[in-house]
PDB file of all heavy atoms in Angstrom:
ATOM      1  N   ARG A   1     108.136 115.130 111.935  1.00  0.00           N
ATOM      2  CA  ARG A   1     107.815 114.327 113.023  1.00  0.00           C
ATOM      3  C   ARG A   1     106.405 113.757 112.824  1.00  0.00           C
ATOM      4  O   ARG A   1     105.495 114.586 112.322  1.00  0.00           O
ATOM      5  CB  ARG A   1     107.903 115.041 114.333  1.00  0.00           C
ATOM      6  CG  ARG A   1     107.524 114.288 115.581  1.00  0.00           C
ATOM      7  CD  ARG A   1     107.554 115.127 116.753  1.00  0.00           C
ATOM      8  NE  ARG A   1     107.044 114.444 117.973  1.00  0.00           N
ATOM      9  CZ  ARG A   1     106.790 114.918 119.112  1.00  0.00           C
ATOM     10  NH1 ARG A   1     107.043 116.267 119.311  1.00  0.00           N
ATOM     11  NH2 ARG A   1     106.243 114.201 120.068  1.00  0.00           N
ATOM     12  N   LEU A   2     106.245 112.566 113.075  1.00  0.00           N
ATOM     13  CA  LEU A   2     104.942 111.831 113.083  1.00  0.00           C
ATOM     14  C   LEU A   2     104.795 111.252 114.497  1.00  0.00           C
ATOM     15  O   LEU A   2     105.748 110.798 115.142  1.00  0.00           O
ATOM     16  CB  LEU A   2     104.885 110.726 112.014  1.00  0.00           C
ATOM     17  CG  LEU A   2     104.662 111.146 110.659  1.00  0.00           C
ATOM     18  CD1 LEU A   2     104.850 109.857 109.717  1.00  0.00           C
ATOM     19  CD2 LEU A   2     103.366 111.813 110.435  1.00  0.00           C
ATOM     20  N   SER A   3     103.517 111.224 114.986  1.00  0.00           N
ATOM     21  CA  SER A   3     103.254 110.658 116.325  1.00  0.00           C
ATOM     22  C   SER A   3     101.863 110.092 116.257  1.00  0.00           C
ATOM     23  O   SER A   3     100.914 110.509 115.481  1.00  0.00           O
ATOM     24  CB  SER A   3     103.365 111.767 117.426  1.00  0.00           C
ATOM     25  OG  SER A   3     102.978 111.169 118.638  1.00  0.00           O
ATOM     26  N   THR A   4     101.590 109.049 117.061  1.00  0.00           N
ATOM     27  CA  THR A   4     100.244 108.544 117.203  1.00  0.00           C
ATOM     28  C   THR A   4      99.234 109.572 117.785  1.00  0.00           C
ATOM     29  O   THR A   4      99.596 110.326 118.644  1.00  0.00           O
ATOM     30  CB  THR A   4     100.146 107.313 118.047  1.00  0.00           C
ATOM     31  OG1 THR A   4      98.811 106.764 118.065  1.00  0.00           O
ATOM     32  CG2 THR A   4     100.783 107.624 119.438  1.00  0.00           C
ATOM     33  N   GLY A   5      97.962 109.518 117.229  1.00  0.00           N
ATOM     34  CA  GLY A   5      97.042 110.405 117.759  1.00  0.00           C
ATOM     35  C   GLY A   5      96.105 109.742 118.679  1.00  0.00           C
ATOM     36  O   GLY A   5      95.186 110.276 119.197  1.00  0.00           O
ATOM     37  N   LEU A   6      96.535 108.515 119.168  1.00  0.00           N
ATOM     38  CA  LEU A   6      95.670 107.726 119.987  1.00  0.00           C
ATOM     39  C   LEU A   6      96.054 107.877 121.479  1.00  0.00           C
ATOM     40  O   LEU A   6      95.329 107.604 122.353  1.00  0.00           O
ATOM     41  CB  LEU A   6      95.781 106.253 119.667  1.00  0.00           C
ATOM     42  CG  LEU A   6      95.197 105.839 118.237  1.00  0.00           C
ATOM     43  CD1 LEU A   6      95.459 104.405 117.960  1.00  0.00           C
ATOM     44  CD2 LEU A   6      93.801 106.112 118.097  1.00  0.00           C
ATOM     45  N   ALA A   7      97.239 108.511 121.646  1.00  0.00           N
ATOM     46  CA  ALA A   7      97.733 108.646 123.099  1.00  0.00           C
ATOM     47  C   ALA A   7      96.886 109.744 123.839  1.00  0.00           C
ATOM     48  O   ALA A   7      96.354 110.662 123.048  1.00  0.00           O
ATOM     49  CB  ALA A   7      99.206 108.938 123.143  1.00  0.00           C
ATOM     50  N   PRO A   8      96.750 109.681 125.121  1.00  0.00           N
ATOM     51  CA  PRO A   8      96.036 110.826 125.792  1.00  0.00           C
ATOM     52  C   PRO A   8      96.659 112.190 125.423  1.00  0.00           C
ATOM     53  O   PRO A   8      97.965 112.286 125.204  1.00  0.00           O
ATOM     54  CB  PRO A   8      96.346 110.522 127.292  1.00  0.00           C
ATOM     55  CG  PRO A   8      96.511 109.043 127.275  1.00  0.00           C
ATOM     56  CD  PRO A   8      97.281 108.749 126.022  1.00  0.00           C
ATOM     57  N   ARG A   9      95.863 113.149 125.210  1.00  0.00           N
ATOM     58  CA  ARG A   9      96.299 114.617 124.993  1.00  0.00           C
ATOM     59  C   ARG A   9      96.096 115.559 126.070  1.00  0.00           C
ATOM     60  O   ARG A   9      95.119 115.381 126.839  1.00  0.00           O
ATOM     61  CB  ARG A   9      95.583 115.070 123.740  1.00  0.00           C
ATOM     62  CG  ARG A   9      95.787 114.098 122.455  1.00  0.00           C
ATOM     63  CD  ARG A   9      95.070 114.596 121.283  1.00  0.00           C
ATOM     64  NE  ARG A   9      94.943 113.658 120.181  1.00  0.00           N
ATOM     65  CZ  ARG A   9      94.428 114.000 118.937  1.00  0.00           C
ATOM     66  NH1 ARG A   9      93.892 115.145 118.759  1.00  0.00           N
ATOM     67  NH2 ARG A   9      94.422 112.972 118.136  1.00  0.00           N
ATOM     68  N   LEU A  10      97.074 116.438 126.208  1.00  0.00           N
ATOM     69  CA  LEU A  10      96.963 117.528 127.295  1.00  0.00           C
ATOM     70  C   LEU A  10      95.894 118.461 127.011  1.00  0.00           C
ATOM     71  O   LEU A  10      95.928 119.081 125.931  1.00  0.00           O
ATOM     72  CB  LEU A  10      98.367 118.190 127.362  1.00  0.00           C
ATOM     73  CG  LEU A  10      98.511 119.150 128.441  1.00  0.00           C
ATOM     74  CD1 LEU A  10      98.197 118.568 129.892  1.00  0.00           C
ATOM     75  CD2 LEU A  10      99.870 119.814 128.365  1.00  0.00           C
ATOM     76  N   SER A  11      95.115 118.683 127.975  1.00  0.00           N
ATOM     77  CA  SER A  11      93.984 119.655 127.894  1.00  0.00           C
ATOM     78  C   SER A  11      94.405 121.011 128.445  1.00  0.00           C
ATOM     79  O   SER A  11      95.400 121.182 129.184  1.00  0.00           O
ATOM     80  CB  SER A  11      92.641 119.300 128.567  1.00  0.00           C
ATOM     81  OG  SER A  11      93.000 119.262 129.967  1.00  0.00           O
ATOM     82  N   LEU A  12      93.807 121.994 127.966  1.00  0.00           N
ATOM     83  CA  LEU A  12      94.201 123.423 128.469  1.00  0.00           C
ATOM     84  C   LEU A  12      93.939 123.496 129.958  1.00  0.00           C
ATOM     85  O   LEU A  12      94.805 123.979 130.706  1.00  0.00           O
ATOM     86  CB  LEU A  12      93.398 124.559 127.679  1.00  0.00           C
ATOM     87  CG  LEU A  12      93.766 125.932 128.177  1.00  0.00           C
ATOM     88  CD1 LEU A  12      95.224 126.286 128.118  1.00  0.00           C
ATOM     89  CD2 LEU A  12      92.866 126.837 127.320  1.00  0.00           C
ATOM     90  N   ASP A  13      92.812 122.984 130.353  1.00  0.00           N
ATOM     91  CA  ASP A  13      92.573 122.991 131.855  1.00  0.00           C
ATOM     92  C   ASP A  13      93.502 122.265 132.681  1.00  0.00           C
ATOM     93  O   ASP A  13      93.961 122.704 133.710  1.00  0.00           O
ATOM     94  CB  ASP A  13      91.167 122.451 132.006  1.00  0.00           C
ATOM     95  CG  ASP A  13      89.978 123.357 131.695  1.00  0.00           C
ATOM     96  OD1 ASP A  13      90.238 124.535 131.579  1.00  0.00           O
ATOM     97  OD2 ASP A  13      88.892 122.883 131.579  1.00  0.00           O
ATOM     98  N   ALA A  14      93.968 121.114 132.101  1.00  0.00           N
ATOM     99  CA  ALA A  14      94.993 120.264 132.856  1.00  0.00           C
ATOM    100  C   ALA A  14      96.308 121.088 132.952  1.00  0.00           C
ATOM    101  O   ALA A  14      97.079 120.974 133.955  1.00  0.00           O
ATOM    102  CB  ALA A  14      95.235 119.001 132.187  1.00  0.00           C
ATOM    103  N   MET A  15      96.661 121.739 131.859  1.00  0.00           N
ATOM    104  CA  MET A  15      97.926 122.563 131.794  1.00  0.00           C
ATOM    105  C   MET A  15      97.793 123.665 132.830  1.00  0.00           C
ATOM    106  O   MET A  15      98.758 123.921 133.630  1.00  0.00           O
ATOM    107  CB  MET A  15      98.230 123.060 130.510  1.00  0.00           C
ATOM    108  CG  MET A  15      99.518 123.832 130.345  1.00  0.00           C
ATOM    109  SD  MET A  15      99.276 125.655 130.747  1.00  0.00           S
ATOM    110  CE  MET A  15      98.606 126.208 129.097  1.00  0.00           C
ATOM    111  N   LEU A  16      96.729 124.345 132.912  1.00  0.00           N
ATOM    112  CA  LEU A  16      96.538 125.494 133.786  1.00  0.00           C
ATOM    113  C   LEU A  16      96.530 125.033 135.215  1.00  0.00           C
ATOM    114  O   LEU A  16      97.031 125.754 136.168  1.00  0.00           O
ATOM    115  CB  LEU A  16      95.199 126.235 133.436  1.00  0.00           C
ATOM    116  CG  LEU A  16      95.193 127.016 132.070  1.00  0.00           C
ATOM    117  CD1 LEU A  16      93.836 127.540 131.919  1.00  0.00           C
ATOM    118  CD2 LEU A  16      96.182 127.987 132.171  1.00  0.00           C
ATOM    119  N   ALA A  17      96.090 123.776 135.481  1.00  0.00           N
ATOM    120  CA  ALA A  17      96.054 123.191 136.796  1.00  0.00           C
ATOM    121  C   ALA A  17      97.422 122.925 137.330  1.00  0.00           C
ATOM    122  O   ALA A  17      97.704 122.779 138.502  1.00  0.00           O
ATOM    123  CB  ALA A  17      95.136 122.024 136.926  1.00  0.00           C
ATOM    124  N   GLU A  18      98.265 122.662 136.382  1.00  0.00           N
ATOM    125  CA  GLU A  18      99.708 122.194 136.708  1.00  0.00           C
ATOM    126  C   GLU A  18     100.635 123.399 137.027  1.00  0.00           C
ATOM    127  O   GLU A  18     101.507 123.120 137.916  1.00  0.00           O
ATOM    128  CB  GLU A  18     100.308 121.491 135.579  1.00  0.00           C
ATOM    129  CG  GLU A  18     101.613 120.822 135.804  1.00  0.00           C
ATOM    130  CD  GLU A  18     101.591 119.653 136.764  1.00  0.00           C
ATOM    131  OE1 GLU A  18     100.540 119.097 137.013  1.00  0.00           O
ATOM    132  OE2 GLU A  18     102.784 119.331 137.309  1.00  0.00           O
ATOM    133  N   ILE A  19     100.532 124.532 136.319  1.00  0.00           N
ATOM    134  CA  ILE A  19     101.440 125.568 136.582  1.00  0.00           C
ATOM    135  C   ILE A  19     101.063 126.444 137.803  1.00  0.00           C
ATOM    136  O   ILE A  19      99.921 126.385 138.218  1.00  0.00           O
ATOM    137  CB  ILE A  19     101.518 126.565 135.272  1.00  0.00           C
ATOM    138  CG1 ILE A  19     100.236 127.191 134.995  1.00  0.00           C
ATOM    139  CG2 ILE A  19     102.068 125.667 134.129  1.00  0.00           C
ATOM    140  CD1 ILE A  19     100.253 128.108 133.780  1.00  0.00           C
ATOM    141  N   ARG A  20     102.107 127.025 138.302  1.00  0.00           N
ATOM    142  CA  ARG A  20     101.854 127.933 139.532  1.00  0.00           C
ATOM    143  C   ARG A  20     100.826 129.047 139.137  1.00  0.00           C
ATOM    144  O   ARG A  20     100.734 129.437 138.043  1.00  0.00           O
ATOM    145  CB  ARG A  20     103.143 128.631 139.987  1.00  0.00           C
ATOM    146  CG  ARG A  20     104.224 127.556 140.329  1.00  0.00           C
ATOM    147  CD  ARG A  20     105.480 128.317 140.558  1.00  0.00           C
ATOM    148  NE  ARG A  20     106.661 127.507 140.767  1.00  0.00           N
ATOM    149  CZ  ARG A  20     107.928 127.784 140.599  1.00  0.00           C
ATOM    150  NH1 ARG A  20     108.188 129.084 140.288  1.00  0.00           N
ATOM    151  NH2 ARG A  20     108.904 126.946 140.810  1.00  0.00           N
ATOM    152  N   SER A  21     100.166 129.446 140.162  1.00  0.00           N
ATOM    153  CA  SER A  21      99.147 130.499 139.946  1.00  0.00           C
ATOM    154  C   SER A  21      99.772 131.808 139.527  1.00  0.00           C
ATOM    155  O   SER A  21      99.030 132.704 138.882  1.00  0.00           O
ATOM    156  CB  SER A  21      98.316 130.717 141.195  1.00  0.00           C
ATOM    157  OG  SER A  21      99.071 131.044 142.295  1.00  0.00           O
ATOM    158  N   SER A  22     101.045 132.076 139.862  1.00  0.00           N
ATOM    159  CA  SER A  22     101.704 133.230 139.495  1.00  0.00           C
ATOM    160  C   SER A  22     102.421 133.226 138.137  1.00  0.00           C
ATOM    161  O   SER A  22     102.835 134.261 137.690  1.00  0.00           O
ATOM    162  CB  SER A  22     102.723 133.609 140.577  1.00  0.00           C
ATOM    163  OG  SER A  22     103.629 132.585 140.699  1.00  0.00           O
ATOM    164  N   THR A  23     102.546 131.978 137.527  1.00  0.00           N
ATOM    165  CA  THR A  23     103.256 131.847 136.300  1.00  0.00           C
ATOM    166  C   THR A  23     102.502 132.378 135.180  1.00  0.00           C
ATOM    167  O   THR A  23     101.260 132.189 135.011  1.00  0.00           O
ATOM    168  CB  THR A  23     103.469 130.321 136.017  1.00  0.00           C
ATOM    169  OG1 THR A  23     104.296 129.804 137.062  1.00  0.00           O
ATOM    170  CG2 THR A  23     104.164 130.233 134.709  1.00  0.00           C
ATOM    171  N   GLY A  24     103.060 133.288 134.411  1.00  0.00           N
ATOM    172  CA  GLY A  24     102.465 133.856 133.163  1.00  0.00           C
ATOM    173  C   GLY A  24     102.464 132.876 132.034  1.00  0.00           C
ATOM    174  O   GLY A  24     103.342 132.041 131.887  1.00  0.00           O
ATOM    175  N   ILE A  25     101.431 132.923 131.186  1.00  0.00           N
ATOM    176  CA  ILE A  25     101.277 132.094 130.151  1.00  0.00           C
ATOM    177  C   ILE A  25     101.058 132.902 128.819  1.00  0.00           C
ATOM    178  O   ILE A  25     100.504 133.992 128.772  1.00  0.00           O
ATOM    179  CB  ILE A  25     100.169 130.983 130.232  1.00  0.00           C
ATOM    180  CG1 ILE A  25      98.852 131.783 130.532  1.00  0.00           C
ATOM    181  CG2 ILE A  25     100.438 130.010 131.279  1.00  0.00           C
ATOM    182  CD1 ILE A  25      97.606 130.772 130.545  1.00  0.00           C
ATOM    183  N   MET A  26     101.575 132.364 127.702  1.00  0.00           N
ATOM    184  CA  MET A  26     101.239 132.900 126.330  1.00  0.00           C
ATOM    185  C   MET A  26     100.639 131.748 125.590  1.00  0.00           C
ATOM    186  O   MET A  26     101.255 130.693 125.315  1.00  0.00           O
ATOM    187  CB  MET A  26     102.526 133.392 125.640  1.00  0.00           C
ATOM    188  CG  MET A  26     102.291 133.804 124.106  1.00  0.00           C
ATOM    189  SD  MET A  26     103.728 134.264 123.315  1.00  0.00           S
ATOM    190  CE  MET A  26     103.822 135.906 123.891  1.00  0.00           C
ATOM    191  N   LEU A  27      99.365 131.966 125.195  1.00  0.00           N
ATOM    192  CA  LEU A  27      98.614 130.879 124.420  1.00  0.00           C
ATOM    193  C   LEU A  27      98.618 131.195 122.884  1.00  0.00           C
ATOM    194  O   LEU A  27      98.005 132.349 122.583  1.00  0.00           O
ATOM    195  CB  LEU A  27      97.226 130.883 124.935  1.00  0.00           C
ATOM    196  CG  LEU A  27      97.075 130.576 126.394  1.00  0.00           C
ATOM    197  CD1 LEU A  27      95.671 130.470 126.909  1.00  0.00           C
ATOM    198  CD2 LEU A  27      97.733 129.349 126.875  1.00  0.00           C
ATOM    199  N   ASP A  28      99.315 130.410 122.182  1.00  0.00           N
ATOM    200  CA  ASP A  28      99.413 130.488 120.664  1.00  0.00           C
ATOM    201  C   ASP A  28      98.188 129.872 120.083  1.00  0.00           C
ATOM    202  O   ASP A  28      98.115 128.645 120.093  1.00  0.00           O
ATOM    203  CB  ASP A  28     100.706 130.030 120.195  1.00  0.00           C
ATOM    204  CG  ASP A  28     100.883 130.299 118.760  1.00  0.00           C
ATOM    205  OD1 ASP A  28     100.043 130.897 118.125  1.00  0.00           O
ATOM    206  OD2 ASP A  28     102.116 130.108 118.221  1.00  0.00           O
ATOM    207  N   LEU A  29      97.149 130.578 119.531  1.00  0.00           N
ATOM    208  CA  LEU A  29      95.983 130.008 119.149  1.00  0.00           C
ATOM    209  C   LEU A  29      96.192 129.472 117.730  1.00  0.00           C
ATOM    210  O   LEU A  29      96.548 130.241 116.770  1.00  0.00           O
ATOM    211  CB  LEU A  29      94.858 131.024 119.124  1.00  0.00           C
ATOM    212  CG  LEU A  29      94.651 131.737 120.437  1.00  0.00           C
ATOM    213  CD1 LEU A  29      93.341 132.596 120.301  1.00  0.00           C
ATOM    214  CD2 LEU A  29      94.533 130.797 121.642  1.00  0.00           C
ATOM    215  N   LYS A  30      95.883 128.144 117.483  1.00  0.00           N
ATOM    216  CA  LYS A  30      96.227 127.532 116.206  1.00  0.00           C
ATOM    217  C   LYS A  30      94.944 127.200 115.484  1.00  0.00           C
ATOM    218  O   LYS A  30      93.854 126.948 116.110  1.00  0.00           O
ATOM    219  CB  LYS A  30      96.958 126.284 116.481  1.00  0.00           C
ATOM    220  CG  LYS A  30      98.341 126.435 117.147  1.00  0.00           C
ATOM    221  CD  LYS A  30      99.396 127.206 116.233  1.00  0.00           C
ATOM    222  CE  LYS A  30     100.781 127.114 116.794  1.00  0.00           C
ATOM    223  NZ  LYS A  30     101.696 127.835 115.913  1.00  0.00           N
ATOM    224  N   GLY A  31      94.949 127.025 114.243  1.00  0.00           N
ATOM    225  CA  GLY A  31      93.837 126.552 113.478  1.00  0.00           C
ATOM    226  C   GLY A  31      92.864 127.743 113.187  1.00  0.00           C
ATOM    227  O   GLY A  31      93.067 128.887 113.391  1.00  0.00           O
ATOM    228  N   ASN A  32      91.641 127.397 112.656  1.00  0.00           N
ATOM    229  CA  ASN A  32      90.660 128.307 112.204  1.00  0.00           C
ATOM    230  C   ASN A  32      89.299 128.069 112.736  1.00  0.00           C
ATOM    231  O   ASN A  32      88.241 128.570 112.274  1.00  0.00           O
ATOM    232  CB  ASN A  32      90.682 128.286 110.609  1.00  0.00           C
ATOM    233  CG  ASN A  32      91.843 128.717 109.920  1.00  0.00           C
ATOM    234  OD1 ASN A  32      92.412 129.812 110.209  1.00  0.00           O
ATOM    235  ND2 ASN A  32      92.376 127.744 109.199  1.00  0.00           N
ATOM    236  N   ASP A  33      89.249 127.194 113.743  1.00  0.00           N
ATOM    237  CA  ASP A  33      87.932 126.939 114.383  1.00  0.00           C
ATOM    238  C   ASP A  33      87.293 128.170 114.984  1.00  0.00           C
ATOM    239  O   ASP A  33      87.903 128.819 115.817  1.00  0.00           O
ATOM    240  CB  ASP A  33      88.141 125.848 115.493  1.00  0.00           C
ATOM    241  CG  ASP A  33      86.842 125.190 115.846  1.00  0.00           C
ATOM    242  OD1 ASP A  33      85.945 125.946 116.225  1.00  0.00           O
ATOM    243  OD2 ASP A  33      86.686 123.966 115.891  1.00  0.00           O
ATOM    244  N   ARG A  34      86.178 128.507 114.605  1.00  0.00           N
ATOM    245  CA  ARG A  34      85.523 129.734 115.045  1.00  0.00           C
ATOM    246  C   ARG A  34      85.158 129.635 116.543  1.00  0.00           C
ATOM    247  O   ARG A  34      84.959 130.766 117.189  1.00  0.00           O
ATOM    248  CB  ARG A  34      84.151 130.004 114.203  1.00  0.00           C
ATOM    249  CG  ARG A  34      84.558 130.278 112.728  1.00  0.00           C
ATOM    250  CD  ARG A  34      83.302 130.539 111.911  1.00  0.00           C
ATOM    251  NE  ARG A  34      83.539 130.801 110.566  1.00  0.00           N
ATOM    252  CZ  ARG A  34      82.595 131.125 109.728  1.00  0.00           C
ATOM    253  NH1 ARG A  34      81.319 131.039 109.943  1.00  0.00           N
ATOM    254  NH2 ARG A  34      82.996 131.284 108.336  1.00  0.00           N
ATOM    255  N   ALA A  35      85.050 128.522 117.057  1.00  0.00           N
ATOM    256  CA  ALA A  35      84.808 128.390 118.474  1.00  0.00           C
ATOM    257  C   ALA A  35      85.975 128.522 119.454  1.00  0.00           C
ATOM    258  O   ALA A  35      85.834 128.566 120.664  1.00  0.00           O
ATOM    259  CB  ALA A  35      84.063 127.056 118.697  1.00  0.00           C
ATOM    260  N   LEU A  36      87.146 128.484 118.760  1.00  0.00           N
ATOM    261  CA  LEU A  36      88.380 128.419 119.684  1.00  0.00           C
ATOM    262  C   LEU A  36      88.488 129.703 120.562  1.00  0.00           C
ATOM    263  O   LEU A  36      88.730 129.613 121.839  1.00  0.00           O
ATOM    264  CB  LEU A  36      89.673 128.436 118.769  1.00  0.00           C
ATOM    265  CG  LEU A  36      90.919 128.427 119.463  1.00  0.00           C
ATOM    266  CD1 LEU A  36      91.023 127.256 120.413  1.00  0.00           C
ATOM    267  CD2 LEU A  36      92.151 128.346 118.477  1.00  0.00           C
ATOM    268  N   ALA A  37      88.338 130.923 120.087  1.00  0.00           N
ATOM    269  CA  ALA A  37      88.545 132.001 120.875  1.00  0.00           C
ATOM    270  C   ALA A  37      87.679 132.071 122.127  1.00  0.00           C
ATOM    271  O   ALA A  37      88.063 132.343 123.204  1.00  0.00           O
ATOM    272  CB  ALA A  37      88.398 133.323 120.061  1.00  0.00           C
ATOM    273  N   ALA A  38      86.364 131.858 121.858  1.00  0.00           N
ATOM    274  CA  ALA A  38      85.356 131.912 122.931  1.00  0.00           C
ATOM    275  C   ALA A  38      85.633 130.848 123.970  1.00  0.00           C
ATOM    276  O   ALA A  38      85.470 131.157 125.132  1.00  0.00           O
ATOM    277  CB  ALA A  38      83.866 131.786 122.360  1.00  0.00           C
ATOM    278  N   ALA A  39      86.135 129.762 123.509  1.00  0.00           N
ATOM    279  CA  ALA A  39      86.486 128.629 124.433  1.00  0.00           C
ATOM    280  C   ALA A  39      87.621 129.012 125.315  1.00  0.00           C
ATOM    281  O   ALA A  39      87.719 128.653 126.487  1.00  0.00           O
ATOM    282  CB  ALA A  39      86.671 127.323 123.717  1.00  0.00           C
ATOM    283  N   VAL A  40      88.639 129.600 124.679  1.00  0.00           N
ATOM    284  CA  VAL A  40      89.840 130.018 125.370  1.00  0.00           C
ATOM    285  C   VAL A  40      89.493 131.155 126.390  1.00  0.00           C
ATOM    286  O   VAL A  40      89.987 130.998 127.608  1.00  0.00           O
ATOM    287  CB  VAL A  40      90.878 130.518 124.387  1.00  0.00           C
ATOM    288  CG1 VAL A  40      92.029 131.200 125.248  1.00  0.00           C
ATOM    289  CG2 VAL A  40      91.456 129.298 123.548  1.00  0.00           C
ATOM    290  N   ILE A  41      88.725 132.054 126.047  1.00  0.00           N
ATOM    291  CA  ILE A  41      88.416 133.060 126.986  1.00  0.00           C
ATOM    292  C   ILE A  41      87.607 132.346 128.190  1.00  0.00           C
ATOM    293  O   ILE A  41      87.853 132.754 129.435  1.00  0.00           O
ATOM    294  CB  ILE A  41      87.378 134.134 126.282  1.00  0.00           C
ATOM    295  CG1 ILE A  41      88.231 134.955 125.359  1.00  0.00           C
ATOM    296  CG2 ILE A  41      86.653 135.069 127.407  1.00  0.00           C
ATOM    297  CD1 ILE A  41      87.324 135.812 124.463  1.00  0.00           C
ATOM    298  N   ALA A  42      86.713 131.471 127.909  1.00  0.00           N
ATOM    299  CA  ALA A  42      86.005 130.829 129.057  1.00  0.00           C
ATOM    300  C   ALA A  42      86.858 130.040 129.993  1.00  0.00           C
ATOM    301  O   ALA A  42      86.833 130.081 131.180  1.00  0.00           O
ATOM    302  CB  ALA A  42      84.854 129.948 128.411  1.00  0.00           C
ATOM    303  N   ALA A  43      87.870 129.417 129.407  1.00  0.00           N
ATOM    304  CA  ALA A  43      88.912 128.635 130.117  1.00  0.00           C
ATOM    305  C   ALA A  43      89.843 129.506 131.042  1.00  0.00           C
ATOM    306  O   ALA A  43      90.086 129.204 132.173  1.00  0.00           O
ATOM    307  CB  ALA A  43      89.821 127.771 129.170  1.00  0.00           C
ATOM    308  N   ILE A  44      90.107 130.695 130.512  1.00  0.00           N
ATOM    309  CA  ILE A  44      90.959 131.650 131.269  1.00  0.00           C
ATOM    310  C   ILE A  44      90.040 132.222 132.405  1.00  0.00           C
ATOM    311  O   ILE A  44      90.673 132.292 133.514  1.00  0.00           O
ATOM    312  CB  ILE A  44      91.377 132.829 130.337  1.00  0.00           C
ATOM    313  CG1 ILE A  44      92.466 132.239 129.333  1.00  0.00           C
ATOM    314  CG2 ILE A  44      91.973 133.969 131.035  1.00  0.00           C
ATOM    315  CD1 ILE A  44      92.824 133.228 128.217  1.00  0.00           C
ATOM    316  N   GLU A  45      88.877 132.519 132.119  1.00  0.00           N
ATOM    317  CA  GLU A  45      88.011 133.084 133.134  1.00  0.00           C
ATOM    318  C   GLU A  45      87.673 132.063 134.243  1.00  0.00           C
ATOM    319  O   GLU A  45      87.410 132.414 135.369  1.00  0.00           O
ATOM    320  CB  GLU A  45      86.816 133.696 132.552  1.00  0.00           C
ATOM    321  CG  GLU A  45      87.084 134.859 131.692  1.00  0.00           C
ATOM    322  CD  GLU A  45      85.917 135.527 130.966  1.00  0.00           C
ATOM    323  OE1 GLU A  45      84.825 134.860 130.949  1.00  0.00           O
ATOM    324  OE2 GLU A  45      85.923 136.772 130.603  1.00  0.00           O
ATOM    325  N   ARG A  46      87.712 130.810 133.818  1.00  0.00           N
ATOM    326  CA  ARG A  46      87.396 129.709 134.786  1.00  0.00           C
ATOM    327  C   ARG A  46      88.705 129.341 135.575  1.00  0.00           C
ATOM    328  O   ARG A  46      88.519 129.002 136.749  1.00  0.00           O
ATOM    329  CB  ARG A  46      86.928 128.541 134.005  1.00  0.00           C
ATOM    330  CG  ARG A  46      86.696 127.280 134.867  1.00  0.00           C
ATOM    331  CD  ARG A  46      85.921 126.297 133.935  1.00  0.00           C
ATOM    332  NE  ARG A  46      86.780 125.775 132.890  1.00  0.00           N
ATOM    333  CZ  ARG A  46      86.629 125.987 131.546  1.00  0.00           C
ATOM    334  NH1 ARG A  46      85.586 126.655 131.236  1.00  0.00           N
ATOM    335  NH2 ARG A  46      87.495 125.386 130.695  1.00  0.00           N
TER     336      ARG A  46
END
């Protein structure tokens, strides 16, 4: 599959705002960016 990278992309905060507060989530962390884990923890706590 190929897709344009110019279209708006879904942010983690937007996704968390959409789902019910009681819905459980599993976040599959992708890539090797060293800042990813800390940013995800901050988003979860926020």
